[in-house]
Amino acid sequence: MNFTSIVRVTPAGLQPLVDISRKTFLEKFYADNTPENMKEYMDRVYATSQLEKELNDPLCEFYFLFFNGALAGYLKINRGAAQSDVRDASSLEVERLYIDAEFQNKGLGAQLLEKAEQIAESYGLNYIWLGVWEKNPDAIRFYERKGYVRFGDHPVQVGDEVQTDFLMKKMVRSE
């Protein structure tokens, strides 16, 4: 029998957060980007100092997902001014949802997404939104199956390349 748990990351979890953030991002996107662009992005977005700042921001929340006791993935959500694009007070952004490659295809991403939806409901928010790379069809299909619809796009700077994320959202309660 498999056991999963989702726990909020505290400042004591900073180093495991740095490690899994860097590992899962590399696993997912290294093959589709130059080493130089990956290094620039990782050094900027997943630097220990940057993740510590985000971890201490009251409008950002990180959650670890454990599978049979092993750290298998994580979730980052943002509210209000911490959101990367929309910044609607009635919305919650899922900025990051990553599962370690070793733990893929076990339904763990769906558990993290459900956690985000529960949090949005607990805050009385109307919808969740997220950005997903236009060249990540598996993730796009996953979000579509979970009821998310595309409503726009936004640019993401990865080294010297500007990439496009599709913006997708799902209503969690009536406005």
Protein backbone atom coordinates (compact mmCIF):
# COMPACT_ATOMS: atom_id res chain seq x y z
CA MET A 1 0.00 0.00 0.00
CA ASN A 2 1.32 3.42 -0.97
CA PHE A 3 1.12 6.36 1.39
CA THR A 4 1.26 10.02 0.41
CA SER A 5 1.31 13.11 2.56
CA ILE A 6 1.40 16.81 1.75
CA VAL A 7 2.99 19.18 4.27
CA ARG A 8 3.62 22.91 4.21
CA VAL A 9 7.29 23.77 3.84
CA THR A 10 8.78 25.71 6.76
CA PRO A 11 12.06 27.65 6.76
CA ALA A 12 13.76 24.48 8.05
CA GLY A 13 12.90 22.87 4.70
CA LEU A 14 14.82 25.41 2.62
CA GLN A 15 17.64 23.11 1.47
CA PRO A 16 15.35 20.22 0.46
CA LEU A 17 13.21 22.82 -1.37
CA VAL A 18 16.26 24.10 -3.26
CA ASP A 19 17.31 20.54 -4.10
CA ILE A 20 13.96 19.30 -5.40
CA SER A 21 13.25 22.57 -7.23
CA ARG A 22 16.51 22.37 -9.16
CA LYS A 23 16.29 18.60 -9.75
CA THR A 24 12.73 18.55 -11.08
CA PHE A 25 13.21 21.62 -13.28
CA LEU A 26 16.33 20.11 -14.84
CA GLU A 27 14.61 16.76 -15.37
CA LYS A 28 11.70 18.38 -17.19
CA PHE A 29 13.34 21.07 -19.28
CA TYR A 30 17.07 20.39 -19.76
CA ALA A 31 16.64 18.51 -23.05
CA ASP A 32 14.73 21.42 -24.61
CA ASN A 33 17.02 24.28 -23.60
CA THR A 34 20.69 25.18 -23.93
CA PRO A 35 22.94 24.51 -20.92
CA GLU A 36 23.69 28.24 -20.73
CA ASN A 37 20.02 29.21 -20.63
CA MET A 38 19.26 26.55 -18.04
CA LYS A 39 22.13 27.73 -15.83
CA GLU A 40 20.99 31.36 -16.02
CA TYR A 41 17.41 30.45 -15.18
CA MET A 42 18.35 28.09 -12.36
CA ASP A 43 20.80 30.56 -10.82
CA ARG A 44 18.13 33.30 -10.89
CA VAL A 45 14.93 31.45 -10.02
CA TYR A 46 16.18 28.57 -7.85
CA ALA A 47 18.99 30.29 -5.96
CA THR A 48 18.89 29.56 -2.24
CA SER A 49 18.50 33.27 -1.45
CA GLN A 50 15.57 33.62 -3.89
CA LEU A 51 13.73 30.57 -2.56
CA GLU A 52 14.33 31.72 1.02
CA LYS A 53 12.79 35.11 0.17
CA GLU A 54 9.74 33.41 -1.39
CA LEU A 55 9.44 30.96 1.51
CA ASN A 56 9.28 33.89 3.93
CA ASP A 57 6.70 35.82 1.88
CA PRO A 58 3.28 35.46 3.56
CA LEU A 59 1.59 35.52 0.13
CA CYS A 60 3.59 32.50 -1.08
CA GLU A 61 3.15 28.94 0.16
CA PHE A 62 5.20 25.86 -0.63
CA TYR A 63 4.10 22.27 0.01
CA PHE A 64 6.12 19.06 -0.13
CA LEU A 65 4.52 15.85 -1.29
CA PHE A 66 5.94 12.68 0.22
CA PHE A 67 5.36 9.24 -1.31
CA ASN A 68 6.08 6.34 1.06
CA GLY A 69 8.26 8.69 3.10
CA ALA A 70 10.34 9.99 0.17
CA LEU A 71 10.17 13.58 -1.04
CA ALA A 72 8.46 13.14 -4.41
CA GLY A 73 7.35 16.61 -5.45
CA TYR A 74 6.33 20.09 -4.46
CA LEU A 75 3.80 22.83 -5.05
CA LYS A 76 4.18 26.62 -4.91
CA ILE A 77 1.11 28.85 -4.77
CA ASN A 78 0.84 32.65 -4.72
CA ARG A 79 -1.85 35.09 -3.71
CA GLY A 80 -2.31 38.81 -4.31
CA ALA A 81 0.79 40.81 -5.16
CA ALA A 82 3.00 37.69 -5.09
CA GLN A 83 1.36 36.38 -8.26
CA SER A 84 3.59 36.41 -11.32
CA ASP A 85 1.03 37.79 -13.75
CA VAL A 86 -2.72 38.07 -13.12
CA ARG A 87 -2.61 39.53 -9.57
CA ASP A 88 -6.36 39.27 -9.09
CA ALA A 89 -7.29 39.31 -5.39
CA SER A 90 -9.95 36.66 -6.09
CA SER A 91 -7.47 34.22 -7.62
CA LEU A 92 -4.72 31.81 -6.59
CA GLU A 93 -1.71 31.14 -8.80
CA VAL A 94 -0.17 27.70 -9.01
CA GLU A 95 3.32 28.88 -9.94
CA ARG A 96 5.07 25.53 -9.61
CA LEU A 97 3.88 21.95 -9.48
CA TYR A 98 6.66 19.42 -10.02
CA ILE A 99 6.96 15.70 -9.43
CA ASP A 100 10.37 13.99 -9.36
CA ALA A 101 10.76 11.79 -12.49
CA GLU A 102 11.14 8.69 -10.26
CA PHE A 103 7.59 9.25 -8.96
CA GLN A 104 5.80 10.20 -12.19
CA ASN A 105 2.55 8.51 -13.28
CA LYS A 106 1.34 7.74 -9.77
CA GLY A 107 -1.36 10.43 -9.59
CA LEU A 108 0.80 12.65 -7.38
CA GLY A 109 0.48 15.78 -9.52
CA ALA A 110 -3.30 15.47 -9.26
CA GLN A 111 -3.00 15.33 -5.47
CA LEU A 112 -0.97 18.55 -5.40
CA LEU A 113 -3.41 20.25 -7.75
CA GLU A 114 -6.32 19.16 -5.55
CA LYS A 115 -4.46 20.60 -2.54
CA ALA A 116 -4.17 23.94 -4.35
CA GLU A 117 -7.88 23.89 -5.15
CA GLN A 118 -8.72 23.16 -1.50
CA ILE A 119 -6.53 26.06 -0.39
CA ALA A 120 -8.19 28.41 -2.89
CA GLU A 121 -11.60 27.39 -1.57
CA SER A 122 -10.46 27.86 2.04
CA TYR A 123 -9.39 31.43 1.21
CA GLY A 124 -12.75 32.06 -0.48
CA LEU A 125 -11.12 32.64 -3.87
CA ASN A 126 -12.98 32.31 -7.15
CA TYR A 127 -10.43 30.66 -9.40
CA ILE A 128 -6.99 29.15 -9.80
CA TRP A 129 -4.70 30.02 -12.66
CA LEU A 130 -1.31 28.81 -13.82
CA GLY A 131 1.18 29.06 -16.65
CA VAL A 132 2.28 25.99 -18.59
CA TRP A 133 4.99 25.98 -21.25
CA GLU A 134 3.49 25.83 -24.73
CA LYS A 135 5.98 23.04 -25.60
CA ASN A 136 4.78 20.81 -22.73
CA PRO A 137 1.78 19.01 -24.27
CA ASP A 138 1.60 16.38 -21.50
CA ALA A 139 1.15 19.07 -18.84
CA ILE A 140 -1.36 20.97 -20.99
CA ARG A 141 -3.45 17.80 -21.42
CA PHE A 142 -3.18 17.07 -17.68
CA TYR A 143 -4.56 20.50 -16.76
CA GLU A 144 -7.28 20.27 -19.41
CA ARG A 145 -8.39 16.91 -17.96
CA LYS A 146 -8.59 18.61 -14.56
CA GLY A 147 -10.93 21.29 -15.90
CA TYR A 148 -8.48 24.10 -16.70
CA VAL A 149 -9.05 26.21 -19.81
CA ARG A 150 -6.63 28.46 -21.65
CA PHE A 151 -7.30 32.19 -21.32
CA GLY A 152 -4.09 33.80 -22.55
CA ASP A 153 -0.33 33.54 -22.46
CA HIS A 154 2.69 35.26 -21.00
CA PRO A 155 6.41 35.44 -21.77
CA VAL A 156 9.02 33.67 -19.65
CA GLN A 157 12.69 34.66 -19.90
CA VAL A 158 14.99 31.62 -19.91
CA GLY A 159 18.53 32.85 -20.42
CA ASP A 160 18.66 34.67 -23.74
CA GLU A 161 15.39 33.11 -24.97
CA VAL A 162 11.85 34.34 -24.43
CA GLN A 163 9.49 31.37 -24.14
CA THR A 164 5.69 31.35 -23.97
CA ASP A 165 3.57 29.92 -21.20
CA PHE A 166 -0.11 29.32 -21.85
CA LEU A 167 -2.24 30.75 -19.05
CA MET A 168 -4.93 28.35 -17.87
CA LYS A 169 -7.59 28.72 -15.19
CA LYS A 170 -10.31 26.84 -13.36
CA MET A 171 -13.19 28.25 -11.40
CA VAL A 172 -13.36 26.89 -7.84
CA ARG A 173 -16.51 28.77 -6.83
CA SER A 174 -19.07 31.02 -8.43
CA GLU A 175 -18.27 34.71 -8.51
